[in-house]
Amino acid sequence: MSHVHYEFILRPLPYEYDFLEFVIGAQTVQLHHDKHNKGPIAII
């Protein structure tokens, strides 16, 4: 049985970090996207 491996990548946001500034801060968006979402992808 062969194992197929798929590459998981964290794609860039389709908007700037400050695009949602009226709801959530740019720094929060950047932290969530760049750090929080990157963790599980690195484990896979």
C-alpha atoms as a PDB file:
ATOM      1  CA  MET A   1       0.000   0.000   0.000  1.00  0.00           C
ATOM      2  CA  SER A   2       1.480   3.325  -1.011  1.00  0.00           C
ATOM      3  CA  HIS A   3       1.027   6.467   1.044  1.00  0.00           C
ATOM      4  CA  VAL A   4       0.066   9.629  -0.728  1.00  0.00           C
ATOM      5  CA  HIS A   5       1.288  12.837   0.858  1.00  0.00           C
ATOM      6  CA  TYR A   6      -0.344  16.143   0.130  1.00  0.00           C
ATOM      7  CA  GLU A   7       1.373  19.423   0.796  1.00  0.00           C
ATOM      8  CA  PHE A   8      -0.526  21.723   3.123  1.00  0.00           C
ATOM      9  CA  ILE A   9       0.279  25.375   2.732  1.00  0.00           C
ATOM     10  CA  LEU A  10      -0.873  28.496   4.496  1.00  0.00           C
ATOM     11  CA  ARG A  11      -2.086  30.719   1.720  1.00  0.00           C
ATOM     12  CA  PRO A  12      -1.798  34.475   2.001  1.00  0.00           C
ATOM     13  CA  LEU A  13      -4.909  36.354   2.979  1.00  0.00           C
ATOM     14  CA  PRO A  14      -6.855  37.728   0.007  1.00  0.00           C
ATOM     15  CA  TYR A  15      -6.871  41.128   1.749  1.00  0.00           C
ATOM     16  CA  GLU A  16      -4.578  43.312   3.836  1.00  0.00           C
ATOM     17  CA  TYR A  17      -4.367  42.723   7.589  1.00  0.00           C
ATOM     18  CA  ASP A  18      -6.129  46.018   8.294  1.00  0.00           C
ATOM     19  CA  PHE A  19      -9.056  45.294   5.960  1.00  0.00           C
ATOM     20  CA  LEU A  20     -11.235  44.204   8.897  1.00  0.00           C
ATOM     21  CA  GLU A  21     -10.055  47.009  11.168  1.00  0.00           C
ATOM     22  CA  PHE A  22     -13.625  48.141  11.839  1.00  0.00           C
ATOM     23  CA  VAL A  23     -14.306  44.739  13.465  1.00  0.00           C
ATOM     24  CA  ILE A  24     -10.942  43.296  14.510  1.00  0.00           C
ATOM     25  CA  GLY A  25      -7.494  44.844  14.793  1.00  0.00           C
ATOM     26  CA  ALA A  26      -4.855  44.343  12.114  1.00  0.00           C
ATOM     27  CA  GLN A  27      -2.390  42.967  14.668  1.00  0.00           C
ATOM     28  CA  THR A  28      -4.950  40.366  15.798  1.00  0.00           C
ATOM     29  CA  VAL A  29      -5.619  39.300  12.209  1.00  0.00           C
ATOM     30  CA  GLN A  30      -1.890  39.029  11.514  1.00  0.00           C
ATOM     31  CA  LEU A  31      -1.235  37.030  14.688  1.00  0.00           C
ATOM     32  CA  HIS A  32      -4.163  34.701  14.039  1.00  0.00           C
ATOM     33  CA  HIS A  33      -3.232  34.094  10.413  1.00  0.00           C
ATOM     34  CA  ASP A  34       0.567  33.993  10.636  1.00  0.00           C
ATOM     35  CA  LYS A  35       1.015  32.187  13.964  1.00  0.00           C
ATOM     36  CA  HIS A  36      -2.189  30.448  15.026  1.00  0.00           C
ATOM     37  CA  ASN A  37      -3.093  28.969  11.633  1.00  0.00           C
ATOM     38  CA  LYS A  38       0.499  28.092  10.772  1.00  0.00           C
ATOM     39  CA  GLY A  39       0.909  25.759  13.770  1.00  0.00           C
ATOM     40  CA  PRO A  40      -1.425  22.944  12.696  1.00  0.00           C
ATOM     41  CA  ILE A  41      -0.139  23.087   9.145  1.00  0.00           C
ATOM     42  CA  ALA A  42       3.446  22.661  10.353  1.00  0.00           C
ATOM     43  CA  ILE A  43       2.422  19.562  12.339  1.00  0.00           C
ATOM     44  CA  ILE A  44       0.746  17.913   9.371  1.00  0.00           C
END
